[in-house]
Amino acid sequence: AAAKAAAEAELAEAGKLNESFLNKAESEISAEVAGLRS
């Protein structure tokens, strides 16, 4: 149970990092698209 809880916590943290990375990438892509449109 302790190992499962630790693994779930690690997965949640990895999910947060992935979400953060995706948000940053989306923001950078949006800025690049806006520049290209301009």
Full PDB file with SEQRES, HELIX, SHEET, SSBOND, CRYST1, ORIGX, SCALE, CONECT and MASTER records, all heavy atoms in Angstrom:
SEQRES   1 A   38  ALA ALA ALA LYS ALA ALA ALA GLU ALA GLU LEU ALA GLU          
SEQRES   2 A   38  ALA GLY LYS LEU ASN GLU SER PHE LEU ASN LYS ALA GLU          
SEQRES   3 A   38  SER GLU ILE SER ALA GLU VAL ALA GLY LEU ARG SER              
HELIX    1 AA1 ALA A    2  ARG A   37  1                                  36    
CRYST1    1.000    1.000    1.000  90.00  90.00  90.00 P 1           1          
ORIGX1      1.000000  0.000000  0.000000        0.00000                         
ORIGX2      0.000000  1.000000  0.000000        0.00000                         
ORIGX3      0.000000  0.000000  1.000000        0.00000                         
SCALE1      1.000000  0.000000  0.000000        0.00000                         
SCALE2      0.000000  1.000000  0.000000        0.00000                         
SCALE3      0.000000  0.000000  1.000000        0.00000                         
ATOM      1  N   ALA A   1       0.835  -1.206   0.000  1.00  0.00           N  
ATOM      2  CA  ALA A   1       0.000   0.000   0.000  1.00  0.00           C  
ATOM      3  C   ALA A   1       0.865   1.250   0.000  1.00  0.00           C  
ATOM      4  O   ALA A   1       0.584   2.215  -0.716  1.00  0.00           O  
ATOM      5  CB  ALA A   1      -0.935  -0.011   1.209  1.00  0.00           C  
ATOM      6  N   ALA A   2       1.944   1.234   0.790  1.00  0.00           N  
ATOM      7  CA  ALA A   2       2.853   2.386   0.835  1.00  0.00           C  
ATOM      8  C   ALA A   2       3.546   2.572  -0.515  1.00  0.00           C  
ATOM      9  O   ALA A   2       3.672   3.701  -1.004  1.00  0.00           O  
ATOM     10  CB  ALA A   2       3.881   2.198   1.946  1.00  0.00           C  
ATOM     11  N   ALA A   3       3.976   1.473  -1.128  1.00  0.00           N  
ATOM     12  CA  ALA A   3       4.629   1.560  -2.440  1.00  0.00           C  
ATOM     13  C   ALA A   3       3.656   2.069  -3.497  1.00  0.00           C  
ATOM     14  O   ALA A   3       4.021   2.876  -4.361  1.00  0.00           O  
ATOM     15  CB  ALA A   3       5.187   0.189  -2.836  1.00  0.00           C  
ATOM     16  N   LYS A   4       2.406   1.616  -3.416  1.00  0.00           N  
ATOM     17  CA  LYS A   4       1.389   2.072  -4.364  1.00  0.00           C  
ATOM     18  C   LYS A   4       1.142   3.565  -4.206  1.00  0.00           C  
ATOM     19  O   LYS A   4       1.052   4.298  -5.191  1.00  0.00           O  
ATOM     20  CB  LYS A   4       0.099   1.292  -4.157  1.00  0.00           C  
ATOM     21  CG  LYS A   4      -1.004   1.681  -5.111  1.00  0.00           C  
ATOM     22  CD  LYS A   4      -2.285   0.906  -4.847  1.00  0.00           C  
ATOM     23  CE  LYS A   4      -3.392   1.368  -5.770  1.00  0.00           C  
ATOM     24  NZ  LYS A   4      -4.672   0.734  -5.448  1.00  0.00           N  
ATOM     25  N   ALA A   5       1.041   4.014  -2.960  1.00  0.00           N  
ATOM     26  CA  ALA A   5       0.814   5.440  -2.702  1.00  0.00           C  
ATOM     27  C   ALA A   5       1.989   6.272  -3.214  1.00  0.00           C  
ATOM     28  O   ALA A   5       1.788   7.335  -3.818  1.00  0.00           O  
ATOM     29  CB  ALA A   5       0.602   5.675  -1.209  1.00  0.00           C  
ATOM     30  N   ALA A   6       3.207   5.784  -3.006  1.00  0.00           N  
ATOM     31  CA  ALA A   6       4.393   6.505  -3.483  1.00  0.00           C  
ATOM     32  C   ALA A   6       4.402   6.556  -5.007  1.00  0.00           C  
ATOM     33  O   ALA A   6       4.702   7.600  -5.597  1.00  0.00           O  
ATOM     34  CB  ALA A   6       5.660   5.835  -2.959  1.00  0.00           C  
ATOM     35  N   ALA A   7       4.064   5.447  -5.647  1.00  0.00           N  
ATOM     36  CA  ALA A   7       4.021   5.415  -7.115  1.00  0.00           C  
ATOM     37  C   ALA A   7       2.946   6.359  -7.652  1.00  0.00           C  
ATOM     38  O   ALA A   7       3.172   7.065  -8.642  1.00  0.00           O  
ATOM     39  CB  ALA A   7       3.769   3.984  -7.606  1.00  0.00           C  
ATOM     40  N   GLU A   8       1.800   6.383  -7.000  1.00  0.00           N  
ATOM     41  CA  GLU A   8       0.725   7.289  -7.422  1.00  0.00           C  
ATOM     42  C   GLU A   8       1.147   8.746  -7.265  1.00  0.00           C  
ATOM     43  O   GLU A   8       0.847   9.581  -8.120  1.00  0.00           O  
ATOM     44  CB  GLU A   8      -0.557   7.006  -6.638  1.00  0.00           C  
ATOM     45  CG  GLU A   8      -1.237   5.714  -7.050  1.00  0.00           C  
ATOM     46  CD  GLU A   8      -2.420   5.342  -6.173  1.00  0.00           C  
ATOM     47  OE1 GLU A   8      -2.595   5.944  -5.087  1.00  0.00           O  
ATOM     48  OE2 GLU A   8      -3.168   4.435  -6.571  1.00  0.00           O  
ATOM     49  N   ALA A   9       1.871   9.040  -6.182  1.00  0.00           N  
ATOM     50  CA  ALA A   9       2.360  10.410  -5.972  1.00  0.00           C  
ATOM     51  C   ALA A   9       3.366  10.786  -7.053  1.00  0.00           C  
ATOM     52  O   ALA A   9       3.337  11.905  -7.577  1.00  0.00           O  
ATOM     53  CB  ALA A   9       2.987  10.535  -4.586  1.00  0.00           C  
ATOM     54  N   GLU A  10       4.253   9.843  -7.392  1.00  0.00           N  
ATOM     55  CA  GLU A  10       5.233  10.103  -8.454  1.00  0.00           C  
ATOM     56  C   GLU A  10       4.534  10.311  -9.795  1.00  0.00           C  
ATOM     57  O   GLU A  10       4.924  11.194 -10.570  1.00  0.00           O  
ATOM     58  CB  GLU A  10       6.231   8.950  -8.553  1.00  0.00           C  
ATOM     59  CG  GLU A  10       7.230   8.911  -7.419  1.00  0.00           C  
ATOM     60  CD  GLU A  10       8.197   7.745  -7.537  1.00  0.00           C  
ATOM     61  OE1 GLU A  10       8.445   7.276  -8.670  1.00  0.00           O  
ATOM     62  OE2 GLU A  10       8.711   7.317  -6.501  1.00  0.00           O  
ATOM     63  N   LEU A  11       3.521   9.519 -10.068  1.00  0.00           N  
ATOM     64  CA  LEU A  11       2.776   9.676 -11.320  1.00  0.00           C  
ATOM     65  C   LEU A  11       2.063  11.024 -11.365  1.00  0.00           C  
ATOM     66  O   LEU A  11       2.023  11.677 -12.411  1.00  0.00           O  
ATOM     67  CB  LEU A  11       1.768   8.536 -11.487  1.00  0.00           C  
ATOM     68  CG  LEU A  11       2.341   7.195 -11.912  1.00  0.00           C  
ATOM     69  CD1 LEU A  11       1.252   6.125 -11.874  1.00  0.00           C  
ATOM     70  CD2 LEU A  11       2.961   7.267 -13.288  1.00  0.00           C  
ATOM     71  N   ALA A  12       1.500  11.426 -10.240  1.00  0.00           N  
ATOM     72  CA  ALA A  12       0.819  12.721 -10.188  1.00  0.00           C  
ATOM     73  C   ALA A  12       1.813  13.853 -10.443  1.00  0.00           C  
ATOM     74  O   ALA A  12       1.519  14.795 -11.183  1.00  0.00           O  
ATOM     75  CB  ALA A  12       0.138  12.902  -8.832  1.00  0.00           C  
ATOM     76  N   GLU A  13       2.996  13.739  -9.850  1.00  0.00           N  
ATOM     77  CA  GLU A  13       4.023  14.763 -10.052  1.00  0.00           C  
ATOM     78  C   GLU A  13       4.476  14.783 -11.506  1.00  0.00           C  
ATOM     79  O   GLU A  13       4.630  15.853 -12.101  1.00  0.00           O  
ATOM     80  CB  GLU A  13       5.223  14.501  -9.130  1.00  0.00           C  
ATOM     81  CG  GLU A  13       6.297  15.553  -9.210  1.00  0.00           C  
ATOM     82  CD  GLU A  13       5.830  16.945  -8.788  1.00  0.00           C  
ATOM     83  OE1 GLU A  13       4.914  17.054  -7.965  1.00  0.00           O  
ATOM     84  OE2 GLU A  13       6.397  17.927  -9.296  1.00  0.00           O  
ATOM     85  N   ALA A  14       4.655  13.598 -12.085  1.00  0.00           N  
ATOM     86  CA  ALA A  14       5.050  13.527 -13.500  1.00  0.00           C  
ATOM     87  C   ALA A  14       3.951  14.119 -14.382  1.00  0.00           C  
ATOM     88  O   ALA A  14       4.236  14.809 -15.368  1.00  0.00           O  
ATOM     89  CB  ALA A  14       5.330  12.076 -13.899  1.00  0.00           C  
ATOM     90  N   GLY A  15       2.710  13.876 -14.027  1.00  0.00           N  
ATOM     91  CA  GLY A  15       1.587  14.442 -14.775  1.00  0.00           C  
ATOM     92  C   GLY A  15       1.593  15.965 -14.711  1.00  0.00           C  
ATOM     93  O   GLY A  15       1.347  16.638 -15.715  1.00  0.00           O  
ATOM     94  N   LYS A  16       1.901  16.503 -13.532  1.00  0.00           N  
ATOM     95  CA  LYS A  16       1.979  17.963 -13.391  1.00  0.00           C  
ATOM     96  C   LYS A  16       3.106  18.528 -14.250  1.00  0.00           C  
ATOM     97  O   LYS A  16       2.942  19.571 -14.889  1.00  0.00           O  
ATOM     98  CB  LYS A  16       2.197  18.350 -11.926  1.00  0.00           C  
ATOM     99  CG  LYS A  16       0.995  18.140 -11.050  1.00  0.00           C  
ATOM    100  CD  LYS A  16       1.305  18.493  -9.604  1.00  0.00           C  
ATOM    101  CE  LYS A  16       0.142  18.174  -8.694  1.00  0.00           C  
ATOM    102  NZ  LYS A  16       0.459  18.433  -7.286  1.00  0.00           N  
ATOM    103  N   LEU A  17       4.257  17.828 -14.234  1.00  0.00           N  
ATOM    104  CA  LEU A  17       5.387  18.290 -15.042  1.00  0.00           C  
ATOM    105  C   LEU A  17       5.048  18.229 -16.530  1.00  0.00           C  
ATOM    106  O   LEU A  17       5.377  19.158 -17.283  1.00  0.00           O  
ATOM    107  CB  LEU A  17       6.633  17.448 -14.745  1.00  0.00           C  
ATOM    108  CG  LEU A  17       7.265  17.647 -13.369  1.00  0.00           C  
ATOM    109  CD1 LEU A  17       8.394  16.652 -13.151  1.00  0.00           C  
ATOM    110  CD2 LEU A  17       7.768  19.069 -13.194  1.00  0.00           C  
ATOM    111  N   ASN A  18       4.389  17.164 -16.940  1.00  0.00           N  
ATOM    112  CA  ASN A  18       3.987  17.037 -18.342  1.00  0.00           C  
ATOM    113  C   ASN A  18       3.007  18.138 -18.723  1.00  0.00           C  
ATOM    114  O   ASN A  18       3.117  18.732 -19.803  1.00  0.00           O  
ATOM    115  CB  ASN A  18       3.363  15.664 -18.610  1.00  0.00           C  
ATOM    116  CG  ASN A  18       4.392  14.566 -18.690  1.00  0.00           C  
ATOM    117  OD1 ASN A  18       5.569  14.822 -18.870  1.00  0.00           O  
ATOM    118  ND2 ASN A  18       3.947  13.330 -18.541  1.00  0.00           N  
ATOM    119  N   GLU A  19       2.056  18.401 -17.851  1.00  0.00           N  
ATOM    120  CA  GLU A  19       1.064  19.457 -18.107  1.00  0.00           C  
ATOM    121  C   GLU A  19       1.760  20.810 -18.235  1.00  0.00           C  
ATOM    122  O   GLU A  19       1.454  21.598 -19.132  1.00  0.00           O  
ATOM    123  CB  GLU A  19       0.033  19.490 -16.977  1.00  0.00           C  
ATOM    124  CG  GLU A  19      -1.091  20.457 -17.199  1.00  0.00           C  
ATOM    125  CD  GLU A  19      -2.046  20.034 -18.296  1.00  0.00           C  
ATOM    126  OE1 GLU A  19      -2.160  18.822 -18.565  1.00  0.00           O  
ATOM    127  OE2 GLU A  19      -2.688  20.914 -18.883  1.00  0.00           O  
ATOM    128  N   SER A  20       2.709  21.059 -17.344  1.00  0.00           N  
ATOM    129  CA  SER A  20       3.465  22.313 -17.386  1.00  0.00           C  
ATOM    130  C   SER A  20       4.248  22.425 -18.684  1.00  0.00           C  
ATOM    131  O   SER A  20       4.268  23.479 -19.329  1.00  0.00           O  
ATOM    132  CB  SER A  20       4.415  22.380 -16.189  1.00  0.00           C  
ATOM    133  OG  SER A  20       5.245  23.509 -16.269  1.00  0.00           O  
ATOM    134  N   PHE A  21       4.893  21.332 -19.078  1.00  0.00           N  
ATOM    135  CA  PHE A  21       5.659  21.326 -20.324  1.00  0.00           C  
ATOM    136  C   PHE A  21       4.746  21.577 -21.516  1.00  0.00           C  
ATOM    137  O   PHE A  21       5.075  22.369 -22.406  1.00  0.00           O  
ATOM    138  CB  PHE A  21       6.382  19.984 -20.499  1.00  0.00           C  
ATOM    139  CG  PHE A  21       7.063  19.836 -21.820  1.00  0.00           C  
ATOM    140  CD1 PHE A  21       8.267  20.471 -22.067  1.00  0.00           C  
ATOM    141  CD2 PHE A  21       6.483  19.075 -22.830  1.00  0.00           C  
ATOM    142  CE1 PHE A  21       8.903  20.343 -23.300  1.00  0.00           C  
ATOM    143  CE2 PHE A  21       7.105  18.943 -24.054  1.00  0.00           C  
ATOM    144  CZ  PHE A  21       8.318  19.582 -24.286  1.00  0.00           C  
ATOM    145  N   LEU A  22       3.597  20.915 -21.542  1.00  0.00           N  
ATOM    146  CA  LEU A  22       2.660  21.102 -22.648  1.00  0.00           C  
ATOM    147  C   LEU A  22       2.132  22.533 -22.704  1.00  0.00           C  
ATOM    148  O   LEU A  22       2.002  23.110 -23.792  1.00  0.00           O  
ATOM    149  CB  LEU A  22       1.496  20.107 -22.527  1.00  0.00           C  
ATOM    150  CG  LEU A  22       1.847  18.643 -22.794  1.00  0.00           C  
ATOM    151  CD1 LEU A  22       0.639  17.755 -22.492  1.00  0.00           C  
ATOM    152  CD2 LEU A  22       2.310  18.436 -24.217  1.00  0.00           C  
ATOM    153  N   ASN A  23       1.824  23.098 -21.546  1.00  0.00           N  
ATOM    154  CA  ASN A  23       1.353  24.486 -21.517  1.00  0.00           C  
ATOM    155  C   ASN A  23       2.421  25.443 -22.031  1.00  0.00           C  
ATOM    156  O   ASN A  23       2.127  26.370 -22.789  1.00  0.00           O  
ATOM    157  CB  ASN A  23       0.932  24.877 -20.097  1.00  0.00           C  
ATOM    158  CG  ASN A  23      -0.361  24.210 -19.672  1.00  0.00           C  
ATOM    159  OD1 ASN A  23      -1.147  23.774 -20.508  1.00  0.00           O  
ATOM    160  ND2 ASN A  23      -0.580  24.109 -18.374  1.00  0.00           N  
ATOM    161  N   LYS A  24       3.661  25.209 -21.623  1.00  0.00           N  
ATOM    162  CA  LYS A  24       4.764  26.063 -22.080  1.00  0.00           C  
ATOM    163  C   LYS A  24       4.948  25.921 -23.586  1.00  0.00           C  
ATOM    164  O   LYS A  24       5.104  26.915 -24.302  1.00  0.00           O  
ATOM    165  CB  LYS A  24       6.053  25.689 -21.351  1.00  0.00           C  
ATOM    166  CG  LYS A  24       7.235  26.551 -21.729  1.00  0.00           C  
ATOM    167  CD  LYS A  24       8.488  26.135 -20.988  1.00  0.00           C  
ATOM    168  CE  LYS A  24       9.667  26.973 -21.470  1.00  0.00           C  
ATOM    169  NZ  LYS A  24      10.928  26.511 -20.922  1.00  0.00           N  
ATOM    170  N   ALA A  25       4.930  24.686 -24.076  1.00  0.00           N  
ATOM    171  CA  ALA A  25       5.093  24.446 -25.511  1.00  0.00           C  
ATOM    172  C   ALA A  25       3.951  25.094 -26.294  1.00  0.00           C  
ATOM    173  O   ALA A  25       4.181  25.711 -27.348  1.00  0.00           O  
ATOM    174  CB  ALA A  25       5.146  22.942 -25.789  1.00  0.00           C  
ATOM    175  N   GLU A  26       2.730  24.982 -25.792  1.00  0.00           N  
ATOM    176  CA  GLU A  26       1.577  25.588 -26.464  1.00  0.00           C  
ATOM    177  C   GLU A  26       1.722  27.109 -26.519  1.00  0.00           C  
ATOM    178  O   GLU A  26       1.433  27.730 -27.548  1.00  0.00           O  
ATOM    179  CB  GLU A  26       0.291  25.201 -25.730  1.00  0.00           C  
ATOM    180  CG  GLU A  26      -0.970  25.693 -26.399  1.00  0.00           C  
ATOM    181  CD  GLU A  26      -2.230  25.259 -25.664  1.00  0.00           C  
ATOM    182  OE1 GLU A  26      -2.141  24.484 -24.697  1.00  0.00           O  
ATOM    183  OE2 GLU A  26      -3.314  25.708 -26.077  1.00  0.00           O  
ATOM    184  N   SER A  27       2.186  27.668 -25.430  1.00  0.00           N  
ATOM    185  CA  SER A  27       2.383  29.120 -25.377  1.00  0.00           C  
ATOM    186  C   SER A  27       3.455  29.554 -26.384  1.00  0.00           C  
ATOM    187  O   SER A  27       3.284  30.546 -27.103  1.00  0.00           O  
ATOM    188  CB  SER A  27       2.794  29.522 -23.959  1.00  0.00           C  
ATOM    189  OG  SER A  27       3.109  30.890 -23.906  1.00  0.00           O  
ATOM    190  N   GLU A  28       4.543  28.794 -26.435  1.00  0.00           N  
ATOM    191  CA  GLU A  28       5.619  29.131 -27.379  1.00  0.00           C  
ATOM    192  C   GLU A  28       5.146  28.980 -28.824  1.00  0.00           C  
ATOM    193  O   GLU A  28       5.466  29.815 -29.677  1.00  0.00           O  
ATOM    194  CB  GLU A  28       6.838  28.236 -27.123  1.00  0.00           C  
ATOM    195  CG  GLU A  28       7.556  28.559 -25.826  1.00  0.00           C  
ATOM    196  CD  GLU A  28       8.666  27.577 -25.495  1.00  0.00           C  
ATOM    197  OE1 GLU A  28       8.877  26.600 -26.250  1.00  0.00           O  
ATOM    198  OE2 GLU A  28       9.331  27.787 -24.461  1.00  0.00           O  
ATOM    199  N   ILE A  29       4.385  27.943 -29.085  1.00  0.00           N  
ATOM    200  CA  ILE A  29       3.864  27.729 -30.441  1.00  0.00           C  
ATOM    201  C   ILE A  29       2.898  28.847 -30.817  1.00  0.00           C  
ATOM    202  O   ILE A  29       2.932  29.362 -31.934  1.00  0.00           O  
ATOM    203  CB  ILE A  29       3.194  26.337 -30.552  1.00  0.00           C  
ATOM    204  CG1 ILE A  29       4.252  25.250 -30.511  1.00  0.00           C  
ATOM    205  CG2 ILE A  29       2.357  26.233 -31.820  1.00  0.00           C  
ATOM    206  CD1 ILE A  29       3.707  23.849 -30.356  1.00  0.00           C  
ATOM    207  N   SER A  30       2.044  29.231 -29.886  1.00  0.00           N  
ATOM    208  CA  SER A  30       1.092  30.322 -30.153  1.00  0.00           C  
ATOM    209  C   SER A  30       1.834  31.617 -30.461  1.00  0.00           C  
ATOM    210  O   SER A  30       1.452  32.353 -31.381  1.00  0.00           O  
ATOM    211  CB  SER A  30       0.168  30.533 -28.959  1.00  0.00           C  
ATOM    212  OG  SER A  30      -0.663  29.414 -28.775  1.00  0.00           O  
ATOM    213  N   ALA A  31       2.902  31.887 -29.718  1.00  0.00           N  
ATOM    214  CA  ALA A  31       3.687  33.100 -29.961  1.00  0.00           C  
ATOM    215  C   ALA A  31       4.350  33.031 -31.341  1.00  0.00           C  
ATOM    216  O   ALA A  31       4.383  34.028 -32.084  1.00  0.00           O  
ATOM    217  CB  ALA A  31       4.739  33.278 -28.876  1.00  0.00           C  
ATOM    218  N   GLU A  32       4.858  31.864 -31.695  1.00  0.00           N  
ATOM    219  CA  GLU A  32       5.504  31.712 -33.005  1.00  0.00           C  
ATOM    220  C   GLU A  32       4.485  31.863 -34.134  1.00  0.00           C  
ATOM    221  O   GLU A  32       4.746  32.521 -35.144  1.00  0.00           O  
ATOM    222  CB  GLU A  32       6.197  30.348 -33.096  1.00  0.00           C  
ATOM    223  CG  GLU A  32       7.037  30.188 -34.339  1.00  0.00           C  
ATOM    224  CD  GLU A  32       7.866  28.912 -34.330  1.00  0.00           C  
ATOM    225  OE1 GLU A  32       8.078  28.335 -33.247  1.00  0.00           O  
ATOM    226  OE2 GLU A  32       8.296  28.509 -35.427  1.00  0.00           O  
ATOM    227  N   VAL A  33       3.310  31.269 -33.955  1.00  0.00           N  
ATOM    228  CA  VAL A  33       2.247  31.390 -34.965  1.00  0.00           C  
ATOM    229  C   VAL A  33       1.834  32.854 -35.117  1.00  0.00           C  
ATOM    230  O   VAL A  33       1.651  33.349 -36.234  1.00  0.00           O  
ATOM    231  CB  VAL A  33       1.036  30.500 -34.598  1.00  0.00           C  
ATOM    232  CG1 VAL A  33      -0.185  30.855 -35.423  1.00  0.00           C  
ATOM    233  CG2 VAL A  33       1.395  29.029 -34.781  1.00  0.00           C  
ATOM    234  N   ALA A  34       1.706  33.561 -34.007  1.00  0.00           N  
ATOM    235  CA  ALA A  34       1.338  34.982 -34.069  1.00  0.00           C  
ATOM    236  C   ALA A  34       2.404  35.775 -34.823  1.00  0.00           C  
ATOM    237  O   ALA A  34       2.081  36.646 -35.648  1.00  0.00           O  
ATOM    238  CB  ALA A  34       1.148  35.539 -32.662  1.00  0.00           C  
ATOM    239  N   GLY A  35       3.672  35.460 -34.572  1.00  0.00           N  
ATOM    240  CA  GLY A  35       4.760  36.133 -35.284  1.00  0.00           C  
ATOM    241  C   GLY A  35       4.719  35.847 -36.771  1.00  0.00           C  
ATOM    242  O   GLY A  35       4.908  36.756 -37.609  1.00  0.00           O  
ATOM    243  N   LEU A  36       4.490  34.597 -37.130  1.00  0.00           N  
ATOM    244  CA  LEU A  36       4.416  34.223 -38.549  1.00  0.00           C  
ATOM    245  C   LEU A  36       3.218  34.879 -39.219  1.00  0.00           C  
ATOM    246  O   LEU A  36       3.309  35.337 -40.371  1.00  0.00           O  
ATOM    247  CB  LEU A  36       4.343  32.700 -38.699  1.00  0.00           C  
ATOM    248  CG  LEU A  36       5.635  31.939 -38.330  1.00  0.00           C  
ATOM    249  CD1 LEU A  36       5.378  30.439 -38.347  1.00  0.00           C  
ATOM    250  CD2 LEU A  36       6.770  32.309 -39.270  1.00  0.00           C  
ATOM    251  N   ARG A  37       2.087  34.947 -38.510  1.00  0.00           N  
ATOM    252  CA  ARG A  37       0.902  35.619 -39.076  1.00  0.00           C  
ATOM    253  C   ARG A  37       1.194  37.111 -39.312  1.00  0.00           C  
ATOM    254  O   ARG A  37       0.786  37.669 -40.324  1.00  0.00           O  
ATOM    255  CB  ARG A  37      -0.296  35.471 -38.139  1.00  0.00           C  
ATOM    256  CG  ARG A  37      -0.957  34.142 -38.232  1.00  0.00           C  
ATOM    257  CD  ARG A  37      -2.204  34.084 -37.388  1.00  0.00           C  
ATOM    258  NE  ARG A  37      -2.823  32.776 -37.514  1.00  0.00           N  
ATOM    259  CZ  ARG A  37      -3.531  32.199 -36.585  1.00  0.00           C  
ATOM    260  NH1 ARG A  37      -3.753  32.809 -35.436  1.00  0.00           N  
ATOM    261  NH2 ARG A  37      -4.048  31.004 -36.782  1.00  0.00           N  
ATOM    262  N   SER A  38       1.885  37.700 -38.360  1.00  0.00           N  
ATOM    263  CA  SER A  38       2.230  39.117 -38.488  1.00  0.00           C  
ATOM    264  C   SER A  38       3.140  39.342 -39.691  1.00  0.00           C  
ATOM    265  O   SER A  38       2.939  40.288 -40.472  1.00  0.00           O  
ATOM    266  CB  SER A  38       2.915  39.592 -37.211  1.00  0.00           C  
ATOM    267  OG  SER A  38       3.319  40.938 -37.330  1.00  0.00           O  
TER     268      SER A  38                                                      
MASTER        0    0    0    1    0    0    0    6  267    1    0    3          
END                                                                             
